[in-house]
Amino acid sequence: CSVKVIKTAAPAGGGSLPAVELSGFGAAVAFTAVTPAAAEKRLRQRPVPIICRVQDDQVLFDSRCLNDTDVEEIAIACAEVERGL
């Protein structure tokens, strides 16, 4: 799979302030062995679910929702999804 950093924008307050957008950055992962929807589903079904969303045929992890300690676990999980584990 491949990863790139992208700019993101999302409504503030989970949609409660739709006219206010928060800009930020995220990691967009393009899987080669599975569809984005299948990857998202497998990530959410892990013993500790990894929450992400599908956008532009990629799986997106929003940096506003991550801690520094999450990055390694997400990388391992993405590698397992790509390898079919």
PDB file of N, CA and C in Angstrom:
ATOM      1  N   CYS A   1       0.847  -1.173   0.000  1.00  0.00           N
ATOM      2  CA  CYS A   1       0.000   0.000   0.000  1.00  0.00           C
ATOM      3  C   CYS A   1       0.892   1.236   0.000  1.00  0.00           C
ATOM      4  N   SER A   2       0.290   2.351  -0.319  1.00  0.00           N
ATOM      5  CA  SER A   2       1.027   3.610  -0.316  1.00  0.00           C
ATOM      6  C   SER A   2       0.326   4.609   0.592  1.00  0.00           C
ATOM      7  N   VAL A   3       1.108   5.536   1.127  1.00  0.00           N
ATOM      8  CA  VAL A   3       0.588   6.528   2.072  1.00  0.00           C
ATOM      9  C   VAL A   3       1.029   7.914   1.631  1.00  0.00           C
ATOM     10  N   LYS A   4       0.113   8.866   1.739  1.00  0.00           N
ATOM     11  CA  LYS A   4       0.496  10.256   1.502  1.00  0.00           C
ATOM     12  C   LYS A   4      -0.235  11.149   2.486  1.00  0.00           C
ATOM     13  N   VAL A   5       0.363  12.269   2.787  1.00  0.00           N
ATOM     14  CA  VAL A   5      -0.238  13.256   3.682  1.00  0.00           C
ATOM     15  C   VAL A   5      -1.107  14.178   2.839  1.00  0.00           C
ATOM     16  N   ILE A   6      -2.341  14.409   3.306  1.00  0.00           N
ATOM     17  CA  ILE A   6      -3.248  15.287   2.581  1.00  0.00           C
ATOM     18  C   ILE A   6      -3.852  16.323   3.526  1.00  0.00           C
ATOM     19  N   LYS A   7      -4.310  17.423   2.961  1.00  0.00           N
ATOM     20  CA  LYS A   7      -5.038  18.419   3.750  1.00  0.00           C
ATOM     21  C   LYS A   7      -6.461  17.928   3.943  1.00  0.00           C
ATOM     22  N   THR A   8      -7.029  18.192   5.113  1.00  0.00           N
ATOM     23  CA  THR A   8      -8.401  17.796   5.402  1.00  0.00           C
ATOM     24  C   THR A   8      -9.207  19.000   5.876  1.00  0.00           C
ATOM     25  N   ALA A   9     -10.509  18.871   5.793  1.00  0.00           N
ATOM     26  CA  ALA A   9     -11.435  19.868   6.338  1.00  0.00           C
ATOM     27  C   ALA A   9     -12.662  19.119   6.822  1.00  0.00           C
ATOM     28  N   ALA A  10     -13.125  19.486   8.008  1.00  0.00           N
ATOM     29  CA  ALA A  10     -14.287  18.812   8.580  1.00  0.00           C
ATOM     30  C   ALA A  10     -15.097  19.823   9.375  1.00  0.00           C
ATOM     31  N   PRO A  11     -16.416  19.610   9.438  1.00  0.00           N
ATOM     32  CA  PRO A  11     -17.234  20.537  10.237  1.00  0.00           C
ATOM     33  C   PRO A  11     -16.866  20.450  11.714  1.00  0.00           C
ATOM     34  N   ALA A  12     -16.891  21.581  12.374  1.00  0.00           N
ATOM     35  CA  ALA A  12     -16.583  21.626  13.806  1.00  0.00           C
ATOM     36  C   ALA A  12     -17.690  20.954  14.601  1.00  0.00           C
ATOM     37  N   GLY A  13     -17.331  20.355  15.701  1.00  0.00           N
ATOM     38  CA  GLY A  13     -18.326  19.759  16.587  1.00  0.00           C
ATOM     39  C   GLY A  13     -19.036  18.563  16.010  1.00  0.00           C
ATOM     40  N   GLY A  14     -18.382  17.810  15.140  1.00  0.00           N
ATOM     41  CA  GLY A  14     -19.012  16.629  14.558  1.00  0.00           C
ATOM     42  C   GLY A  14     -20.236  16.964  13.730  1.00  0.00           C
ATOM     43  N   GLY A  15     -20.287  18.180  13.217  1.00  0.00           N
ATOM     44  CA  GLY A  15     -21.407  18.583  12.377  1.00  0.00           C
ATOM     45  C   GLY A  15     -22.367  19.536  13.058  1.00  0.00           C
ATOM     46  N   SER A  16     -22.162  19.806  14.350  1.00  0.00           N
ATOM     47  CA  SER A  16     -23.075  20.711  15.054  1.00  0.00           C
ATOM     48  C   SER A  16     -22.853  22.171  14.655  1.00  0.00           C
ATOM     49  N   LEU A  17     -21.713  22.456  14.057  1.00  0.00           N
ATOM     50  CA  LEU A  17     -21.425  23.797  13.538  1.00  0.00           C
ATOM     51  C   LEU A  17     -21.066  23.673  12.060  1.00  0.00           C
ATOM     52  N   PRO A  18     -22.040  23.346  11.193  1.00  0.00           N
ATOM     53  CA  PRO A  18     -21.724  23.040   9.794  1.00  0.00           C
ATOM     54  C   PRO A  18     -21.100  24.192   9.021  1.00  0.00           C
ATOM     55  N   ALA A  19     -21.270  25.420   9.466  1.00  0.00           N
ATOM     56  CA  ALA A  19     -20.695  26.553   8.746  1.00  0.00           C
ATOM     57  C   ALA A  19     -19.238  26.794   9.145  1.00  0.00           C
ATOM     58  N   VAL A  20     -18.744  26.085  10.164  1.00  0.00           N
ATOM     59  CA  VAL A  20     -17.377  26.266  10.633  1.00  0.00           C
ATOM     60  C   VAL A  20     -16.578  25.016  10.281  1.00  0.00           C
ATOM     61  N   GLU A  21     -15.538  25.191   9.479  1.00  0.00           N
ATOM     62  CA  GLU A  21     -14.696  24.060   9.114  1.00  0.00           C
ATOM     63  C   GLU A  21     -13.355  24.153   9.821  1.00  0.00           C
ATOM     64  N   LEU A  22     -12.886  23.000  10.285  1.00  0.00           N
ATOM     65  CA  LEU A  22     -11.568  22.893  10.888  1.00  0.00           C
ATOM     66  C   LEU A  22     -10.635  22.265   9.851  1.00  0.00           C
ATOM     67  N   SER A  23      -9.560  22.953   9.538  1.00  0.00           N
ATOM     68  CA  SER A  23      -8.610  22.386   8.586  1.00  0.00           C
ATOM     69  C   SER A  23      -7.539  21.630   9.348  1.00  0.00           C
ATOM     70  N   GLY A  24      -6.941  20.684   8.678  1.00  0.00           N
ATOM     71  CA  GLY A  24      -5.900  19.881   9.296  1.00  0.00           C
ATOM     72  C   GLY A  24      -5.236  19.012   8.258  1.00  0.00           C
ATOM     73  N   PHE A  25      -4.629  17.941   8.730  1.00  0.00           N
ATOM     74  CA  PHE A  25      -3.938  17.011   7.853  1.00  0.00           C
ATOM     75  C   PHE A  25      -4.328  15.589   8.211  1.00  0.00           C
ATOM     76  N   GLY A  26      -4.174  14.712   7.251  1.00  0.00           N
ATOM     77  CA  GLY A  26      -4.463  13.311   7.482  1.00  0.00           C
ATOM     78  C   GLY A  26      -3.540  12.445   6.653  1.00  0.00           C
ATOM     79  N   ALA A  27      -3.577  11.162   6.921  1.00  0.00           N
ATOM     80  CA  ALA A  27      -2.823  10.181   6.149  1.00  0.00           C
ATOM     81  C   ALA A  27      -3.810   9.419   5.283  1.00  0.00           C
ATOM     82  N   ALA A  28      -3.589   9.456   3.977  1.00  0.00           N
ATOM     83  CA  ALA A  28      -4.437   8.736   3.031  1.00  0.00           C
ATOM     84  C   ALA A  28      -3.699   7.479   2.590  1.00  0.00           C
ATOM     85  N   VAL A  29      -4.312   6.327   2.817  1.00  0.00           N
ATOM     86  CA  VAL A  29      -3.692   5.042   2.498  1.00  0.00           C
ATOM     87  C   VAL A  29      -4.429   4.424   1.316  1.00  0.00           C
ATOM     88  N   ALA A  30      -3.671   4.086   0.283  1.00  0.00           N
ATOM     89  CA  ALA A  30      -4.221   3.389  -0.883  1.00  0.00           C
ATOM     90  C   ALA A  30      -3.759   1.934  -0.811  1.00  0.00           C
ATOM     91  N   PHE A  31      -4.709   1.036  -0.626  1.00  0.00           N
ATOM     92  CA  PHE A  31      -4.404  -0.391  -0.558  1.00  0.00           C
ATOM     93  C   PHE A  31      -4.419  -0.975  -1.962  1.00  0.00           C
ATOM     94  N   THR A  32      -3.592  -1.972  -2.208  1.00  0.00           N
ATOM     95  CA  THR A  32      -3.579  -2.617  -3.521  1.00  0.00           C
ATOM     96  C   THR A  32      -4.275  -3.974  -3.503  1.00  0.00           C
ATOM     97  N   ALA A  33      -4.333  -4.616  -2.322  1.00  0.00           N
ATOM     98  CA  ALA A  33      -4.877  -5.969  -2.233  1.00  0.00           C
ATOM     99  C   ALA A  33      -6.351  -6.015  -1.856  1.00  0.00           C
ATOM    100  N   VAL A  34      -6.894  -4.917  -1.321  1.00  0.00           N
ATOM    101  CA  VAL A  34      -8.289  -4.876  -0.895  1.00  0.00           C
ATOM    102  C   VAL A  34      -8.889  -3.529  -1.277  1.00  0.00           C
ATOM    103  N   THR A  35     -10.204  -3.487  -1.356  1.00  0.00           N
ATOM    104  CA  THR A  35     -10.875  -2.227  -1.640  1.00  0.00           C
ATOM    105  C   THR A  35     -10.816  -1.324  -0.410  1.00  0.00           C
ATOM    106  N   PRO A  36     -10.967  -0.028  -0.602  1.00  0.00           N
ATOM    107  CA  PRO A  36     -10.995   0.861   0.556  1.00  0.00           C
ATOM    108  C   PRO A  36     -12.094   0.492   1.558  1.00  0.00           C
ATOM    109  N   ALA A  37     -13.267   0.127   1.064  1.00  0.00           N
ATOM    110  CA  ALA A  37     -14.371  -0.239   1.962  1.00  0.00           C
ATOM    111  C   ALA A  37     -14.033  -1.492   2.762  1.00  0.00           C
ATOM    112  N   ALA A  38     -13.414  -2.474   2.126  1.00  0.00           N
ATOM    113  CA  ALA A  38     -13.032  -3.704   2.836  1.00  0.00           C
ATOM    114  C   ALA A  38     -11.951  -3.411   3.867  1.00  0.00           C
ATOM    115  N   ALA A  39     -10.992  -2.564   3.528  1.00  0.00           N
ATOM    116  CA  ALA A  39      -9.936  -2.200   4.475  1.00  0.00           C
ATOM    117  C   ALA A  39     -10.529  -1.473   5.671  1.00  0.00           C
ATOM    118  N   GLU A  40     -11.420  -0.513   5.422  1.00  0.00           N
ATOM    119  CA  GLU A  40     -12.058   0.219   6.517  1.00  0.00           C
ATOM    120  C   GLU A  40     -12.798  -0.742   7.441  1.00  0.00           C
ATOM    121  N   LYS A  41     -13.540  -1.670   6.868  1.00  0.00           N
ATOM    122  CA  LYS A  41     -14.302  -2.628   7.670  1.00  0.00           C
ATOM    123  C   LYS A  41     -13.374  -3.486   8.529  1.00  0.00           C
ATOM    124  N   ARG A  42     -12.293  -3.983   7.938  1.00  0.00           N
ATOM    125  CA  ARG A  42     -11.364  -4.831   8.697  1.00  0.00           C
ATOM    126  C   ARG A  42     -10.678  -4.051   9.808  1.00  0.00           C
ATOM    127  N   LEU A  43     -10.337  -2.789   9.549  1.00  0.00           N
ATOM    128  CA  LEU A  43      -9.705  -1.967  10.581  1.00  0.00           C
ATOM    129  C   LEU A  43     -10.666  -1.710  11.738  1.00  0.00           C
ATOM    130  N   ARG A  44     -11.924  -1.481  11.431  1.00  0.00           N
ATOM    131  CA  ARG A  44     -12.926  -1.229  12.476  1.00  0.00           C
ATOM    132  C   ARG A  44     -13.263  -2.487  13.273  1.00  0.00           C
ATOM    133  N   GLN A  45     -13.021  -3.668  12.698  1.00  0.00           N
ATOM    134  CA  GLN A  45     -13.356  -4.926  13.363  1.00  0.00           C
ATOM    135  C   GLN A  45     -12.207  -5.503  14.185  1.00  0.00           C
ATOM    136  N   ARG A  46     -11.110  -4.808  14.291  1.00  0.00           N
ATOM    137  CA  ARG A  46      -9.981  -5.288  15.099  1.00  0.00           C
ATOM    138  C   ARG A  46     -10.376  -5.322  16.578  1.00  0.00           C
ATOM    139  N   PRO A  47      -9.640  -6.092  17.405  1.00  0.00           N
ATOM    140  CA  PRO A  47      -9.937  -6.117  18.846  1.00  0.00           C
ATOM    141  C   PRO A  47      -9.984  -4.709  19.453  1.00  0.00           C
ATOM    142  N   VAL A  48      -9.066  -3.846  19.039  1.00  0.00           N
ATOM    143  CA  VAL A  48      -9.140  -2.422  19.366  1.00  0.00           C
ATOM    144  C   VAL A  48      -9.434  -1.735  18.032  1.00  0.00           C
ATOM    145  N   PRO A  49     -10.683  -1.335  17.815  1.00  0.00           N
ATOM    146  CA  PRO A  49     -11.072  -0.784  16.505  1.00  0.00           C
ATOM    147  C   PRO A  49     -10.247   0.438  16.119  1.00  0.00           C
ATOM    148  N   ILE A  50      -9.919   0.510  14.841  1.00  0.00           N
ATOM    149  CA  ILE A  50      -9.240   1.672  14.286  1.00  0.00           C
ATOM    150  C   ILE A  50     -10.265   2.396  13.418  1.00  0.00           C
ATOM    151  N   ILE A  51     -10.591   3.607  13.824  1.00  0.00           N
ATOM    152  CA  ILE A  51     -11.632   4.374  13.146  1.00  0.00           C
ATOM    153  C   ILE A  51     -10.990   5.214  12.045  1.00  0.00           C
ATOM    154  N   CYS A  52     -11.547   5.099  10.867  1.00  0.00           N
ATOM    155  CA  CYS A  52     -11.066   5.810   9.693  1.00  0.00           C
ATOM    156  C   CYS A  52     -12.266   6.043   8.789  1.00  0.00           C
ATOM    157  N   ARG A  53     -12.023   6.653   7.634  1.00  0.00           N
ATOM    158  CA  ARG A  53     -13.116   6.822   6.682  1.00  0.00           C
ATOM    159  C   ARG A  53     -12.571   6.671   5.274  1.00  0.00           C
ATOM    160  N   VAL A  54     -13.455   6.382   4.340  1.00  0.00           N
ATOM    161  CA  VAL A  54     -13.075   6.261   2.935  1.00  0.00           C
ATOM    162  C   VAL A  54     -13.359   7.590   2.258  1.00  0.00           C
ATOM    163  N   GLN A  55     -12.348   8.076   1.554  1.00  0.00           N
ATOM    164  CA  GLN A  55     -12.483   9.331   0.818  1.00  0.00           C
ATOM    165  C   GLN A  55     -11.614   9.234  -0.434  1.00  0.00           C
ATOM    166  N   ASP A  56     -12.189   9.523  -1.583  1.00  0.00           N
ATOM    167  CA  ASP A  56     -11.441   9.506  -2.849  1.00  0.00           C
ATOM    168  C   ASP A  56     -10.716   8.181  -3.074  1.00  0.00           C
ATOM    169  N   ASP A  57     -11.408   7.070  -2.836  1.00  0.00           N
ATOM    170  CA  ASP A  57     -10.861   5.726  -3.032  1.00  0.00           C
ATOM    171  C   ASP A  57      -9.620   5.432  -2.192  1.00  0.00           C
ATOM    172  N   GLN A  58      -9.540   6.073  -1.036  1.00  0.00           N
ATOM    173  CA  GLN A  58      -8.444   5.832  -0.101  1.00  0.00           C
ATOM    174  C   GLN A  58      -9.016   5.761   1.307  1.00  0.00           C
ATOM    175  N   VAL A  59      -8.258   5.149   2.202  1.00  0.00           N
ATOM    176  CA  VAL A  59      -8.642   5.113   3.606  1.00  0.00           C
ATOM    177  C   VAL A  59      -7.939   6.284   4.286  1.00  0.00           C
ATOM    178  N   LEU A  60      -8.719   7.130   4.941  1.00  0.00           N
ATOM    179  CA  LEU A  60      -8.189   8.352   5.522  1.00  0.00           C
ATOM    180  C   LEU A  60      -8.181   8.281   7.043  1.00  0.00           C
ATOM    181  N   PHE A  61      -7.034   8.620   7.618  1.00  0.00           N
ATOM    182  CA  PHE A  61      -6.868   8.739   9.066  1.00  0.00           C
ATOM    183  C   PHE A  61      -6.644  10.217   9.349  1.00  0.00           C
ATOM    184  N   ASP A  62      -7.544  10.827  10.097  1.00  0.00           N
ATOM    185  CA  ASP A  62      -7.463  12.251  10.394  1.00  0.00           C
ATOM    186  C   ASP A  62      -6.520  12.466  11.570  1.00  0.00           C
ATOM    187  N   SER A  63      -5.518  13.315  11.401  1.00  0.00           N
ATOM    188  CA  SER A  63      -4.517  13.514  12.453  1.00  0.00           C
ATOM    189  C   SER A  63      -5.111  14.132  13.717  1.00  0.00           C
ATOM    190  N   ARG A  64      -6.244  14.829  13.596  1.00  0.00           N
ATOM    191  CA  ARG A  64      -6.869  15.408  14.795  1.00  0.00           C
ATOM    192  C   ARG A  64      -7.408  14.327  15.721  1.00  0.00           C
ATOM    193  N   CYS A  65      -7.571  13.121  15.215  1.00  0.00           N
ATOM    194  CA  CYS A  65      -8.146  12.032  16.006  1.00  0.00           C
ATOM    195  C   CYS A  65      -7.090  11.046  16.488  1.00  0.00           C
ATOM    196  N   LEU A  66      -5.809  11.361  16.308  1.00  0.00           N
ATOM    197  CA  LEU A  66      -4.751  10.415  16.636  1.00  0.00           C
ATOM    198  C   LEU A  66      -3.823  10.947  17.712  1.00  0.00           C
ATOM    199  N   ASN A  67      -3.286  10.012  18.481  1.00  0.00           N
ATOM    200  CA  ASN A  67      -2.191  10.299  19.401  1.00  0.00           C
ATOM    201  C   ASN A  67      -0.902   9.817  18.763  1.00  0.00           C
ATOM    202  N   ASP A  68       0.226  10.311  19.215  1.00  0.00           N
ATOM    203  CA  ASP A  68       1.511   9.863  18.676  1.00  0.00           C
ATOM    204  C   ASP A  68       1.666   8.351  18.794  1.00  0.00           C
ATOM    205  N   THR A  69       1.144   7.784  19.862  1.00  0.00           N
ATOM    206  CA  THR A  69       1.291   6.348  20.093  1.00  0.00           C
ATOM    207  C   THR A  69       0.410   5.513  19.159  1.00  0.00           C
ATOM    208  N   ASP A  70      -0.554   6.121  18.473  1.00  0.00           N
ATOM    209  CA  ASP A  70      -1.450   5.392  17.573  1.00  0.00           C
ATOM    210  C   ASP A  70      -0.791   5.049  16.238  1.00  0.00           C
ATOM    211  N   VAL A  71       0.196   5.816  15.829  1.00  0.00           N
ATOM    212  CA  VAL A  71       0.744   5.703  14.480  1.00  0.00           C
ATOM    213  C   VAL A  71       1.330   4.318  14.219  1.00  0.00           C
ATOM    214  N   GLU A  72       2.106   3.802  15.142  1.00  0.00           N
ATOM    215  CA  GLU A  72       2.717   2.487  14.938  1.00  0.00           C
ATOM    216  C   GLU A  72       1.652   1.394  14.843  1.00  0.00           C
ATOM    217  N   GLU A  73       0.650   1.428  15.718  1.00  0.00           N
ATOM    218  CA  GLU A  73      -0.424   0.423  15.684  1.00  0.00           C
ATOM    219  C   GLU A  73      -1.195   0.487  14.365  1.00  0.00           C
ATOM    220  N   ILE A  74      -1.446   1.684  13.868  1.00  0.00           N
ATOM    221  CA  ILE A  74      -2.154   1.837  12.593  1.00  0.00           C
ATOM    222  C   ILE A  74      -1.305   1.297  11.441  1.00  0.00           C
ATOM    223  N   ALA A  75      -0.013   1.573  11.466  1.00  0.00           N
ATOM    224  CA  ALA A  75       0.871   1.067  10.413  1.00  0.00           C
ATOM    225  C   ALA A  75       0.893  -0.458  10.397  1.00  0.00           C
ATOM    226  N   ILE A  76       0.987  -1.060  11.567  1.00  0.00           N
ATOM    227  CA  ILE A  76       0.971  -2.530  11.665  1.00  0.00           C
ATOM    228  C   ILE A  76      -0.361  -3.072  11.161  1.00  0.00           C
ATOM    229  N   ALA A  77      -1.460  -2.467  11.570  1.00  0.00           N
ATOM    230  CA  ALA A  77      -2.786  -2.921  11.146  1.00  0.00           C
ATOM    231  C   ALA A  77      -2.966  -2.803   9.643  1.00  0.00           C
ATOM    232  N   CYS A  78      -2.516  -1.706   9.060  1.00  0.00           N
ATOM    233  CA  CYS A  78      -2.632  -1.529   7.600  1.00  0.00           C
ATOM    234  C   CYS A  78      -1.825  -2.578   6.855  1.00  0.00           C
ATOM    235  N   ALA A  79      -0.622  -2.882   7.359  1.00  0.00           N
ATOM    236  CA  ALA A  79       0.205  -3.915   6.736  1.00  0.00           C
ATOM    237  C   ALA A  79      -0.487  -5.277   6.810  1.00  0.00           C
ATOM    238  N   GLU A  80      -1.129  -5.569   7.942  1.00  0.00           N
ATOM    239  CA  GLU A  80      -1.846  -6.837   8.084  1.00  0.00           C
ATOM    240  C   GLU A  80      -3.031  -6.904   7.140  1.00  0.00           C
ATOM    241  N   VAL A  81      -3.767  -5.812   6.999  1.00  0.00           N
ATOM    242  CA  VAL A  81      -4.903  -5.781   6.060  1.00  0.00           C
ATOM    243  C   VAL A  81      -4.404  -6.006   4.640  1.00  0.00           C
ATOM    244  N   GLU A  82      -3.327  -5.332   4.271  1.00  0.00           N
ATOM    245  CA  GLU A  82      -2.786  -5.464   2.917  1.00  0.00           C
ATOM    246  C   GLU A  82      -2.329  -6.895   2.644  1.00  0.00           C
ATOM    247  N   ARG A  83      -1.753  -7.549   3.652  1.00  0.00           N
ATOM    248  CA  ARG A  83      -1.270  -8.940   3.475  1.00  0.00           C
ATOM    249  C   ARG A  83      -2.375  -9.977   3.664  1.00  0.00           C
ATOM    250  N   GLY A  84      -3.580  -9.543   4.029  1.00  0.00           N
ATOM    251  CA  GLY A  84      -4.681 -10.479   4.197  1.00  0.00           C
ATOM    252  C   GLY A  84      -4.660 -11.212   5.511  1.00  0.00           C
ATOM    253  N   LEU A  85      -3.980 -10.669   6.504  1.00  0.00           N
ATOM    254  CA  LEU A  85      -3.915 -11.322   7.817  1.00  0.00           C
ATOM    255  C   LEU A  85      -5.067 -10.914   8.700  1.00  0.00           C
TER     256      LEU A  85
END
